[in-house]
C-alpha cells in the first residue's frame, strides 16, 4: 500500500505516474520510451511540491491540498498547450520551482 497509493484516497500517486512517464514518453535522455503503444496524451503530471506550488501560484486548481485532483487539473491546463504530450512540461516546471525556492 505504501508503494502503490490510490487516487481514491486522494493521493497524487507521484511514484506511479512518474514511472509511467519514464516508460511511455519517447526516449529523450530522461524518459525511456519503452511502451510505445500507449500515447503520452494519456499521462497525468507527476505532482510534487514544486508543481503543486506552480499550480497554486497560477491558480490552475481550486483544491488546497496536493492530491490527484490537482494533478488532473495541472495536466488539463498543460493539455491546452500540448494535447499530445502535456507531461513534457513537468520537468522544467519542477526545476524552475527549485530555482525559485518554491
PDB file of N, CA and C in Angstrom:
ATOM      1  N   UNK A   1       0.822  -1.191   0.000  1.00  0.00           N
ATOM      2  CA  UNK A   1       0.000   0.000   0.000  1.00  0.00           C
ATOM      3  C   UNK A   1       0.869   1.261   0.000  1.00  0.00           C
ATOM      4  N   UNK A   2       2.014   1.220   0.671  1.00  0.00           N
ATOM      5  CA  UNK A   2       2.910   2.367   0.708  1.00  0.00           C
ATOM      6  C   UNK A   2       3.460   2.685  -0.688  1.00  0.00           C
ATOM      7  N   UNK A   3       3.818   1.657  -1.430  1.00  0.00           N
ATOM      8  CA  UNK A   3       4.399   1.866  -2.751  1.00  0.00           C
ATOM      9  C   UNK A   3       3.359   2.123  -3.832  1.00  0.00           C
ATOM     10  N   UNK A   4       2.121   1.726  -3.588  1.00  0.00           N
ATOM     11  CA  UNK A   4       1.074   1.887  -4.585  1.00  0.00           C
ATOM     12  C   UNK A   4      -0.140   2.578  -3.975  1.00  0.00           C
ATOM     13  N   UNK A   5      -0.036   3.873  -3.716  1.00  0.00           N
ATOM     14  CA  UNK A   5      -1.183   4.606  -3.180  1.00  0.00           C
ATOM     15  C   UNK A   5      -2.289   4.701  -4.231  1.00  0.00           C
ATOM     16  N   UNK A   6      -3.448   5.100  -3.786  1.00  0.00           N
ATOM     17  CA  UNK A   6      -4.608   5.145  -4.669  1.00  0.00           C
ATOM     18  C   UNK A   6      -5.120   6.578  -4.829  1.00  0.00           C
ATOM     19  N   UNK A   7      -5.497   6.953  -6.036  1.00  0.00           N
ATOM     20  CA  UNK A   7      -6.116   8.270  -6.214  1.00  0.00           C
ATOM     21  C   UNK A   7      -7.456   8.355  -5.490  1.00  0.00           C
ATOM     22  N   UNK A   8      -8.087   7.211  -5.230  1.00  0.00           N
ATOM     23  CA  UNK A   8      -9.344   7.216  -4.472  1.00  0.00           C
ATOM     24  C   UNK A   8      -9.139   7.739  -3.062  1.00  0.00           C
ATOM     25  N   UNK A   9      -7.925   7.570  -2.535  1.00  0.00           N
ATOM     26  CA  UNK A   9      -7.599   8.068  -1.201  1.00  0.00           C
ATOM     27  C   UNK A   9      -7.118   9.516  -1.244  1.00  0.00           C
ATOM     28  N   UNK A  10      -7.074  10.108  -2.430  1.00  0.00           N
ATOM     29  CA  UNK A  10      -6.643  11.484  -2.580  1.00  0.00           C
ATOM     30  C   UNK A  10      -5.175  11.634  -2.952  1.00  0.00           C
ATOM     31  N   UNK A  11      -4.453  10.553  -3.012  1.00  0.00           N
ATOM     32  CA  UNK A  11      -3.025  10.625  -3.321  1.00  0.00           C
ATOM     33  C   UNK A  11      -2.798  11.067  -4.764  1.00  0.00           C
ATOM     34  N   UNK A  12      -1.778  11.912  -4.999  1.00  0.00           N
ATOM     35  CA  UNK A  12      -1.435  12.256  -6.374  1.00  0.00           C
ATOM     36  C   UNK A  12      -0.671  11.137  -7.084  1.00  0.00           C
ATOM     37  N   UNK A  13      -0.295  10.068  -6.346  1.00  0.00           N
ATOM     38  CA  UNK A  13       0.362   8.879  -6.917  1.00  0.00           C
ATOM     39  C   UNK A  13       1.617   9.242  -7.699  1.00  0.00           C
ATOM     40  N   UNK A  14       2.450  10.107  -7.122  1.00  0.00           N
ATOM     41  CA  UNK A  14       3.617  10.614  -7.828  1.00  0.00           C
ATOM     42  C   UNK A  14       4.528   9.508  -8.346  1.00  0.00           C
ATOM     43  N   UNK A  15       4.854   8.533  -7.517  1.00  0.00           N
ATOM     44  CA  UNK A  15       5.772   7.471  -7.948  1.00  0.00           C
ATOM     45  C   UNK A  15       5.220   6.699  -9.144  1.00  0.00           C
ATOM     46  N   UNK A  16       3.951   6.376  -9.091  1.00  0.00           N
ATOM     47  CA  UNK A  16       3.339   5.608 -10.170  1.00  0.00           C
ATOM     48  C   UNK A  16       3.294   6.408 -11.466  1.00  0.00           C
ATOM     49  N   UNK A  17       2.835   7.656 -11.409  1.00  0.00           N
ATOM     50  CA  UNK A  17       2.739   8.434 -12.646  1.00  0.00           C
ATOM     51  C   UNK A  17       4.121   8.820 -13.176  1.00  0.00           C
ATOM     52  N   UNK A  18       5.102   8.971 -12.280  1.00  0.00           N
ATOM     53  CA  UNK A  18       6.467   9.232 -12.737  1.00  0.00           C
ATOM     54  C   UNK A  18       7.032   8.010 -13.463  1.00  0.00           C
ATOM     55  N   UNK A  19       6.773   6.831 -12.922  1.00  0.00           N
ATOM     56  CA  UNK A  19       7.195   5.598 -13.584  1.00  0.00           C
ATOM     57  C   UNK A  19       6.544   5.481 -14.967  1.00  0.00           C
ATOM     58  N   UNK A  20       5.242   5.753 -15.035  1.00  0.00           N
ATOM     59  CA  UNK A  20       4.544   5.689 -16.323  1.00  0.00           C
ATOM     60  C   UNK A  20       5.128   6.701 -17.309  1.00  0.00           C
ATOM     61  N   UNK A  21       5.456   7.879 -16.814  1.00  0.00           N
ATOM     62  CA  UNK A  21       6.086   8.891 -17.677  1.00  0.00           C
ATOM     63  C   UNK A  21       7.373   8.351 -18.278  1.00  0.00           C
ATOM     64  N   UNK A  22       8.236   7.783 -17.441  1.00  0.00           N
ATOM     65  CA  UNK A  22       9.519   7.256 -17.924  1.00  0.00           C
ATOM     66  C   UNK A  22       9.330   6.167 -18.974  1.00  0.00           C
ATOM     67  N   UNK A  23       8.336   5.326 -18.794  1.00  0.00           N
ATOM     68  CA  UNK A  23       8.122   4.193 -19.685  1.00  0.00           C
ATOM     69  C   UNK A  23       7.406   4.571 -20.979  1.00  0.00           C
ATOM     70  N   UNK A  24       6.530   5.586 -20.926  1.00  0.00           N
ATOM     71  CA  UNK A  24       5.663   5.897 -22.068  1.00  0.00           C
ATOM     72  C   UNK A  24       6.209   7.011 -22.958  1.00  0.00           C
ATOM     73  N   UNK A  25       6.694   8.093 -22.367  1.00  0.00           N
ATOM     74  CA  UNK A  25       7.183   9.206 -23.198  1.00  0.00           C
ATOM     75  C   UNK A  25       8.355   8.762 -24.062  1.00  0.00           C
ATOM     76  N   UNK A  26       8.515   9.352 -25.252  1.00  0.00           N
ATOM     77  CA  UNK A  26       9.628   8.977 -26.127  1.00  0.00           C
ATOM     78  C   UNK A  26      10.987   9.162 -25.446  1.00  0.00           C
ATOM     79  N   UNK A  27      11.921   8.297 -25.790  1.00  0.00           N
ATOM     80  CA  UNK A  27      13.267   8.367 -25.209  1.00  0.00           C
ATOM     81  C   UNK A  27      13.891   9.720 -25.531  1.00  0.00           C
ATOM     82  N   UNK A  28      14.345  10.399 -24.479  1.00  0.00           N
ATOM     83  CA  UNK A  28      14.911  11.736 -24.659  1.00  0.00           C
ATOM     84  C   UNK A  28      16.049  12.039 -23.689  1.00  0.00           C
ATOM     85  N   UNK A  29      16.616  11.027 -23.087  1.00  0.00           N
ATOM     86  CA  UNK A  29      17.673  11.244 -22.110  1.00  0.00           C
ATOM     87  C   UNK A  29      17.154  11.221 -20.681  1.00  0.00           C
ATOM     88  N   UNK A  30      15.865  11.450 -20.495  1.00  0.00           N
ATOM     89  CA  UNK A  30      15.221  11.348 -19.185  1.00  0.00           C
ATOM     90  C   UNK A  30      14.240  10.182 -19.211  1.00  0.00           C
ATOM     91  N   UNK A  31      13.422  10.154 -20.238  1.00  0.00           N
ATOM     92  CA  UNK A  31      12.410   9.106 -20.386  1.00  0.00           C
ATOM     93  C   UNK A  31      12.942   7.975 -21.261  1.00  0.00           C
ATOM     94  N   UNK A  32      12.431   6.773 -21.000  1.00  0.00           N
ATOM     95  CA  UNK A  32      12.933   5.589 -21.704  1.00  0.00           C
ATOM     96  C   UNK A  32      12.168   5.257 -22.981  1.00  0.00           C
ATOM     97  N   UNK A  33      10.890   5.574 -23.028  1.00  0.00           N
ATOM     98  CA  UNK A  33      10.090   5.326 -24.220  1.00  0.00           C
ATOM     99  C   UNK A  33       9.934   3.871 -24.595  1.00  0.00           C
ATOM    100  N   UNK A  34       9.831   2.993 -23.606  1.00  0.00           N
ATOM    101  CA  UNK A  34       9.745   1.560 -23.887  1.00  0.00           C
ATOM    102  C   UNK A  34       8.341   1.090 -24.246  1.00  0.00           C
ATOM    103  N   UNK A  35       7.334   1.792 -23.774  1.00  0.00           N
ATOM    104  CA  UNK A  35       5.952   1.392 -24.042  1.00  0.00           C
ATOM    105  C   UNK A  35       5.375   2.295 -25.132  1.00  0.00           C
ATOM    106  N   UNK A  36       5.716   2.016 -26.359  1.00  0.00           N
ATOM    107  CA  UNK A  36       5.388   2.900 -27.479  1.00  0.00           C
ATOM    108  C   UNK A  36       3.916   2.875 -27.877  1.00  0.00           C
ATOM    109  N   UNK A  37       3.175   1.855 -27.486  1.00  0.00           N
ATOM    110  CA  UNK A  37       1.773   1.760 -27.903  1.00  0.00           C
ATOM    111  C   UNK A  37       0.829   2.611 -27.056  1.00  0.00           C
ATOM    112  N   UNK A  38       1.316   3.119 -25.935  1.00  0.00           N
ATOM    113  CA  UNK A  38       0.485   3.964 -25.079  1.00  0.00           C
ATOM    114  C   UNK A  38       0.829   5.416 -25.401  1.00  0.00           C
ATOM    115  N   UNK A  39      -0.164   6.231 -25.758  1.00  0.00           N
ATOM    116  CA  UNK A  39       0.127   7.624 -26.114  1.00  0.00           C
ATOM    117  C   UNK A  39       0.459   8.477 -24.889  1.00  0.00           C
ATOM    118  N   UNK A  40       1.388   9.389 -25.048  1.00  0.00           N
ATOM    119  CA  UNK A  40       1.778  10.301 -23.968  1.00  0.00           C
ATOM    120  C   UNK A  40       0.618  11.196 -23.549  1.00  0.00           C
ATOM    121  N   UNK A  41      -0.354  11.367 -24.418  1.00  0.00           N
ATOM    122  CA  UNK A  41      -1.513  12.209 -24.099  1.00  0.00           C
ATOM    123  C   UNK A  41      -2.354  11.634 -22.962  1.00  0.00           C
ATOM    124  N   UNK A  42      -2.168  10.374 -22.632  1.00  0.00           N
ATOM    125  CA  UNK A  42      -2.924   9.715 -21.559  1.00  0.00           C
ATOM    126  C   UNK A  42      -2.279   9.898 -20.184  1.00  0.00           C
ATOM    127  N   UNK A  43      -1.070  10.446 -20.138  1.00  0.00           N
ATOM    128  CA  UNK A  43      -0.346  10.579 -18.878  1.00  0.00           C
ATOM    129  C   UNK A  43      -0.900  11.703 -18.009  1.00  0.00           C
ATOM    130  N   UNK A  44      -0.681  11.578 -16.701  1.00  0.00           N
ATOM    131  CA  UNK A  44      -1.010  12.606 -15.716  1.00  0.00           C
ATOM    132  C   UNK A  44       0.311  13.139 -15.171  1.00  0.00           C
ATOM    133  N   UNK A  45       0.373  14.426 -14.928  1.00  0.00           N
ATOM    134  CA  UNK A  45       1.610  15.045 -14.434  1.00  0.00           C
ATOM    135  C   UNK A  45       1.966  14.484 -13.047  1.00  0.00           C
ATOM    136  N   UNK A  46       3.249  14.140 -12.838  1.00  0.00           N
ATOM    137  CA  UNK A  46       3.678  13.705 -11.507  1.00  0.00           C
ATOM    138  C   UNK A  46       3.722  14.924 -10.565  1.00  0.00           C
ATOM    139  N   UNK A  47       2.787  14.981  -9.658  1.00  0.00           N
ATOM    140  CA  UNK A  47       2.633  16.152  -8.788  1.00  0.00           C
ATOM    141  C   UNK A  47       3.581  16.086  -7.597  1.00  0.00           C
ATOM    142  N   UNK A  48       4.545  17.007  -7.580  1.00  0.00           N
ATOM    143  CA  UNK A  48       5.427  17.148  -6.420  1.00  0.00           C
ATOM    144  C   UNK A  48       5.188  18.529  -5.821  1.00  0.00           C
ATOM    145  N   UNK A  49       5.947  18.878  -4.816  1.00  0.00           N
ATOM    146  CA  UNK A  49       5.729  20.150  -4.127  1.00  0.00           C
ATOM    147  C   UNK A  49       5.950  21.349  -5.039  1.00  0.00           C
ATOM    148  N   UNK A  50       6.882  21.244  -5.982  1.00  0.00           N
ATOM    149  CA  UNK A  50       7.171  22.368  -6.867  1.00  0.00           C
ATOM    150  C   UNK A  50       6.063  22.571  -7.899  1.00  0.00           C
ATOM    151  N   UNK A  51       5.557  21.487  -8.442  1.00  0.00           N
ATOM    152  CA  UNK A  51       4.462  21.597  -9.411  1.00  0.00           C
ATOM    153  C   UNK A  51       3.180  22.021  -8.701  1.00  0.00           C
ATOM    154  N   UNK A  52       3.000  21.546  -7.465  1.00  0.00           N
ATOM    155  CA  UNK A  52       1.839  21.988  -6.684  1.00  0.00           C
ATOM    156  C   UNK A  52       1.919  23.498  -6.435  1.00  0.00           C
ATOM    157  N   UNK A  53       3.100  23.991  -6.072  1.00  0.00           N
ATOM    158  CA  UNK A  53       3.274  25.436  -5.855  1.00  0.00           C
ATOM    159  C   UNK A  53       3.001  26.216  -7.131  1.00  0.00           C
ATOM    160  N   UNK A  54       3.454  25.690  -8.262  1.00  0.00           N
ATOM    161  CA  UNK A  54       3.171  26.300  -9.569  1.00  0.00           C
ATOM    162  C   UNK A  54       1.659  26.392  -9.783  1.00  0.00           C
ATOM    163  N   UNK A  55       0.963  25.312  -9.492  1.00  0.00           N
ATOM    164  CA  UNK A  55      -0.498  25.280  -9.663  1.00  0.00           C
ATOM    165  C   UNK A  55      -1.175  26.313  -8.767  1.00  0.00           C
ATOM    166  N   UNK A  56      -0.677  26.468  -7.552  1.00  0.00           N
ATOM    167  CA  UNK A  56      -1.260  27.445  -6.634  1.00  0.00           C
ATOM    168  C   UNK A  56      -0.960  28.871  -7.092  1.00  0.00           C
ATOM    169  N   UNK A  57       0.267  29.143  -7.490  1.00  0.00           N
ATOM    170  CA  UNK A  57       0.655  30.496  -7.905  1.00  0.00           C
ATOM    171  C   UNK A  57      -0.113  30.961  -9.135  1.00  0.00           C
ATOM    172  N   UNK A  58      -0.386  30.042 -10.047  1.00  0.00           N
ATOM    173  CA  UNK A  58      -1.065  30.404 -11.293  1.00  0.00           C
ATOM    174  C   UNK A  58      -2.536  29.994 -11.303  1.00  0.00           C
ATOM    175  N   UNK A  59      -3.042  29.617 -10.126  1.00  0.00           N
ATOM    176  CA  UNK A  59      -4.462  29.298  -9.931  1.00  0.00           C
ATOM    177  C   UNK A  59      -4.986  28.284 -10.948  1.00  0.00           C
ATOM    178  N   UNK A  60      -4.247  27.198 -11.075  1.00  0.00           N
ATOM    179  CA  UNK A  60      -4.640  26.152 -12.014  1.00  0.00           C
ATOM    180  C   UNK A  60      -5.603  25.150 -11.393  1.00  0.00           C
ATOM    181  N   UNK A  61      -5.772  25.224 -10.088  1.00  0.00           N
ATOM    182  CA  UNK A  61      -6.664  24.298  -9.408  1.00  0.00           C
ATOM    183  C   UNK A  61      -7.298  24.993  -8.209  1.00  0.00           C
ATOM    184  N   UNK A  62      -8.499  24.611  -7.900  1.00  0.00           N
ATOM    185  CA  UNK A  62      -9.194  25.202  -6.757  1.00  0.00           C
ATOM    186  C   UNK A  62      -8.940  24.435  -5.469  1.00  0.00           C
ATOM    187  N   UNK A  63      -8.246  23.303  -5.562  1.00  0.00           N
ATOM    188  CA  UNK A  63      -8.023  22.448  -4.397  1.00  0.00           C
ATOM    189  C   UNK A  63      -6.843  22.954  -3.572  1.00  0.00           C
ATOM    190  N   UNK A  64      -6.991  22.876  -2.266  1.00  0.00           N
ATOM    191  CA  UNK A  64      -5.995  23.420  -1.344  1.00  0.00           C
ATOM    192  C   UNK A  64      -4.982  22.395  -0.856  1.00  0.00           C
ATOM    193  N   UNK A  65      -5.121  21.146  -1.255  1.00  0.00           N
ATOM    194  CA  UNK A  65      -4.172  20.099  -0.883  1.00  0.00           C
ATOM    195  C   UNK A  65      -3.613  19.456  -2.139  1.00  0.00           C
ATOM    196  N   UNK A  66      -2.358  19.050  -2.082  1.00  0.00           N
ATOM    197  CA  UNK A  66      -1.731  18.358  -3.221  1.00  0.00           C
ATOM    198  C   UNK A  66      -2.335  16.965  -3.325  1.00  0.00           C
ATOM    199  N   UNK A  67      -3.232  16.781  -4.270  1.00  0.00           N
ATOM    200  CA  UNK A  67      -3.914  15.494  -4.420  1.00  0.00           C
ATOM    201  C   UNK A  67      -4.109  15.169  -5.899  1.00  0.00           C
ATOM    202  N   UNK A  68      -4.759  14.051  -6.164  1.00  0.00           N
ATOM    203  CA  UNK A  68      -4.987  13.574  -7.526  1.00  0.00           C
ATOM    204  C   UNK A  68      -5.738  14.601  -8.365  1.00  0.00           C
ATOM    205  N   UNK A  69      -6.681  15.297  -7.750  1.00  0.00           N
ATOM    206  CA  UNK A  69      -7.474  16.283  -8.489  1.00  0.00           C
ATOM    207  C   UNK A  69      -6.604  17.444  -8.967  1.00  0.00           C
ATOM    208  N   UNK A  70      -5.639  17.847  -8.167  1.00  0.00           N
ATOM    209  CA  UNK A  70      -4.711  18.909  -8.581  1.00  0.00           C
ATOM    210  C   UNK A  70      -3.850  18.415  -9.744  1.00  0.00           C
ATOM    211  N   UNK A  71      -3.349  17.187  -9.638  1.00  0.00           N
ATOM    212  CA  UNK A  71      -2.553  16.610 -10.735  1.00  0.00           C
ATOM    213  C   UNK A  71      -3.375  16.589 -12.023  1.00  0.00           C
ATOM    214  N   UNK A  72      -4.637  16.234 -11.910  1.00  0.00           N
ATOM    215  CA  UNK A  72      -5.525  16.204 -13.080  1.00  0.00           C
ATOM    216  C   UNK A  72      -5.738  17.620 -13.624  1.00  0.00           C
ATOM    217  N   UNK A  73      -5.944  18.598 -12.748  1.00  0.00           N
ATOM    218  CA  UNK A  73      -6.145  19.987 -13.185  1.00  0.00           C
ATOM    219  C   UNK A  73      -4.903  20.543 -13.880  1.00  0.00           C
ATOM    220  N   UNK A  74      -3.730  20.276 -13.318  1.00  0.00           N
ATOM    221  CA  UNK A  74      -2.483  20.749 -13.940  1.00  0.00           C
ATOM    222  C   UNK A  74      -2.306  20.096 -15.305  1.00  0.00           C
ATOM    223  N   UNK A  75      -2.595  18.808 -15.388  1.00  0.00           N
ATOM    224  CA  UNK A  75      -2.493  18.098 -16.668  1.00  0.00           C
ATOM    225  C   UNK A  75      -3.462  18.690 -17.685  1.00  0.00           C
ATOM    226  N   UNK A  76      -4.674  18.989 -17.260  1.00  0.00           N
ATOM    227  CA  UNK A  76      -5.668  19.585 -18.163  1.00  0.00           C
ATOM    228  C   UNK A  76      -5.174  20.940 -18.686  1.00  0.00           C
ATOM    229  N   UNK A  77      -4.562  21.740 -17.813  1.00  0.00           N
ATOM    230  CA  UNK A  77      -4.004  23.016 -18.260  1.00  0.00           C
ATOM    231  C   UNK A  77      -2.887  22.798 -19.279  1.00  0.00           C
ATOM    232  N   UNK A  78      -1.978  21.878 -18.979  1.00  0.00           N
ATOM    233  CA  UNK A  78      -0.859  21.621 -19.892  1.00  0.00           C
ATOM    234  C   UNK A  78      -1.334  21.048 -21.223  1.00  0.00           C
ATOM    235  N   UNK A  79      -2.470  20.358 -21.216  1.00  0.00           N
ATOM    236  CA  UNK A  79      -3.036  19.847 -22.473  1.00  0.00           C
ATOM    237  C   UNK A  79      -3.512  20.977 -23.376  1.00  0.00           C
ATOM    238  N   UNK A  80      -3.813  22.136 -22.819  1.00  0.00           N
ATOM    239  CA  UNK A  80      -4.187  23.279 -23.670  1.00  0.00           C
ATOM    240  C   UNK A  80      -2.981  23.787 -24.450  1.00  0.00           C
ATOM    241  N   UNK A  81      -1.775  23.518 -23.939  1.00  0.00           N
ATOM    242  CA  UNK A  81      -0.543  23.925 -24.617  1.00  0.00           C
ATOM    243  C   UNK A  81      -0.079  22.838 -25.584  1.00  0.00           C
ATOM    244  N   UNK A  82      -0.106  21.594 -25.125  1.00  0.00           N
ATOM    245  CA  UNK A  82       0.312  20.467 -25.965  1.00  0.00           C
ATOM    246  C   UNK A  82      -0.583  19.261 -25.664  1.00  0.00           C
ATOM    247  N   UNK A  83      -1.654  19.080 -26.431  1.00  0.00           N
ATOM    248  CA  UNK A  83      -2.577  17.973 -26.172  1.00  0.00           C
ATOM    249  C   UNK A  83      -1.957  16.588 -26.375  1.00  0.00           C
ATOM    250  N   UNK A  84      -0.924  16.496 -27.198  1.00  0.00           N
ATOM    251  CA  UNK A  84      -0.305  15.200 -27.487  1.00  0.00           C
ATOM    252  C   UNK A  84       0.679  14.741 -26.407  1.00  0.00           C
ATOM    253  N   UNK A  85       1.290  15.703 -25.700  1.00  0.00           N
ATOM    254  CA  UNK A  85       2.306  15.354 -24.693  1.00  0.00           C
ATOM    255  C   UNK A  85       2.344  16.419 -23.593  1.00  0.00           C
ATOM    256  N   UNK A  86       1.294  16.526 -22.795  1.00  0.00           N
ATOM    257  CA  UNK A  86       1.240  17.576 -21.779  1.00  0.00           C
ATOM    258  C   UNK A  86       2.263  17.400 -20.658  1.00  0.00           C
ATOM    259  N   UNK A  87       2.687  16.193 -20.403  1.00  0.00           N
ATOM    260  CA  UNK A  87       3.579  15.915 -19.281  1.00  0.00           C
ATOM    261  C   UNK A  87       5.016  16.361 -19.572  1.00  0.00           C
ATOM    262  N   UNK A  88       5.319  16.694 -20.813  1.00  0.00           N
ATOM    263  CA  UNK A  88       6.686  17.107 -21.153  1.00  0.00           C
ATOM    264  C   UNK A  88       7.108  18.370 -20.408  1.00  0.00           C
ATOM    265  N   UNK A  89       6.156  19.100 -19.861  1.00  0.00           N
ATOM    266  CA  UNK A  89       6.455  20.343 -19.171  1.00  0.00           C
ATOM    267  C   UNK A  89       6.758  20.161 -17.685  1.00  0.00           C
ATOM    268  N   UNK A  90       6.528  18.988 -17.126  1.00  0.00           N
ATOM    269  CA  UNK A  90       6.680  18.840 -15.676  1.00  0.00           C
ATOM    270  C   UNK A  90       8.122  19.023 -15.215  1.00  0.00           C
ATOM    271  N   UNK A  91       9.083  18.535 -15.983  1.00  0.00           N
ATOM    272  CA  UNK A  91      10.489  18.640 -15.602  1.00  0.00           C
ATOM    273  C   UNK A  91      10.929  20.108 -15.529  1.00  0.00           C
ATOM    274  N   UNK A  92      10.684  20.925 -16.564  1.00  0.00           N
ATOM    275  CA  UNK A  92      11.079  22.339 -16.464  1.00  0.00           C
ATOM    276  C   UNK A  92      10.319  23.094 -15.371  1.00  0.00           C
ATOM    277  N   UNK A  93       9.044  22.781 -15.176  1.00  0.00           N
ATOM    278  CA  UNK A  93       8.281  23.455 -14.121  1.00  0.00           C
ATOM    279  C   UNK A  93       8.865  23.120 -12.753  1.00  0.00           C
ATOM    280  N   UNK A  94       9.158  21.854 -12.533  1.00  0.00           N
ATOM    281  CA  UNK A  94       9.722  21.403 -11.265  1.00  0.00           C
ATOM    282  C   UNK A  94      11.067  22.086 -11.003  1.00  0.00           C
ATOM    283  N   UNK A  95      11.922  22.116 -11.995  1.00  0.00           N
ATOM    284  CA  UNK A  95      13.249  22.705 -11.801  1.00  0.00           C
ATOM    285  C   UNK A  95      13.186  24.229 -11.672  1.00  0.00           C
ATOM    286  N   UNK A  96      12.248  24.838 -12.338  1.00  0.00           N
ATOM    287  CA  UNK A  96      12.044  26.283 -12.145  1.00  0.00           C
ATOM    288  C   UNK A  96      11.619  26.547 -10.701  1.00  0.00           C
ATOM    289  N   UNK A  97      10.714  25.724 -10.196  1.00  0.00           N
ATOM    290  CA  UNK A  97      10.288  25.849  -8.802  1.00  0.00           C
ATOM    291  C   UNK A  97      11.434  25.686  -7.828  1.00  0.00           C
ATOM    292  N   UNK A  98      12.340  24.765  -8.124  1.00  0.00           N
ATOM    293  CA  UNK A  98      13.520  24.579  -7.267  1.00  0.00           C
ATOM    294  C   UNK A  98      14.404  25.821  -7.269  1.00  0.00           C
ATOM    295  N   UNK A  99      14.612  26.386  -8.458  1.00  0.00           N
ATOM    296  CA  UNK A  99      15.453  27.583  -8.574  1.00  0.00           C
ATOM    297  C   UNK A  99      14.821  28.777  -7.875  1.00  0.00           C
ATOM    298  N   UNK A 100      13.492  28.858  -7.946  1.00  0.00           N
ATOM    299  CA  UNK A 100      12.778  29.994  -7.337  1.00  0.00           C
ATOM    300  C   UNK A 100      12.600  29.804  -5.826  1.00  0.00           C
ATOM    301  N   UNK A 101      12.807  28.583  -5.356  1.00  0.00           N
ATOM    302  CA  UNK A 101      12.642  28.324  -3.934  1.00  0.00           C
ATOM    303  C   UNK A 101      11.218  28.063  -3.510  1.00  0.00           C
ATOM    304  N   UNK A 102      10.390  27.577  -4.466  1.00  0.00           N
ATOM    305  CA  UNK A 102       9.025  27.193  -4.105  1.00  0.00           C
ATOM    306  C   UNK A 102       8.695  25.854  -4.598  1.00  0.00           C
TER     307      UNK A 102
END
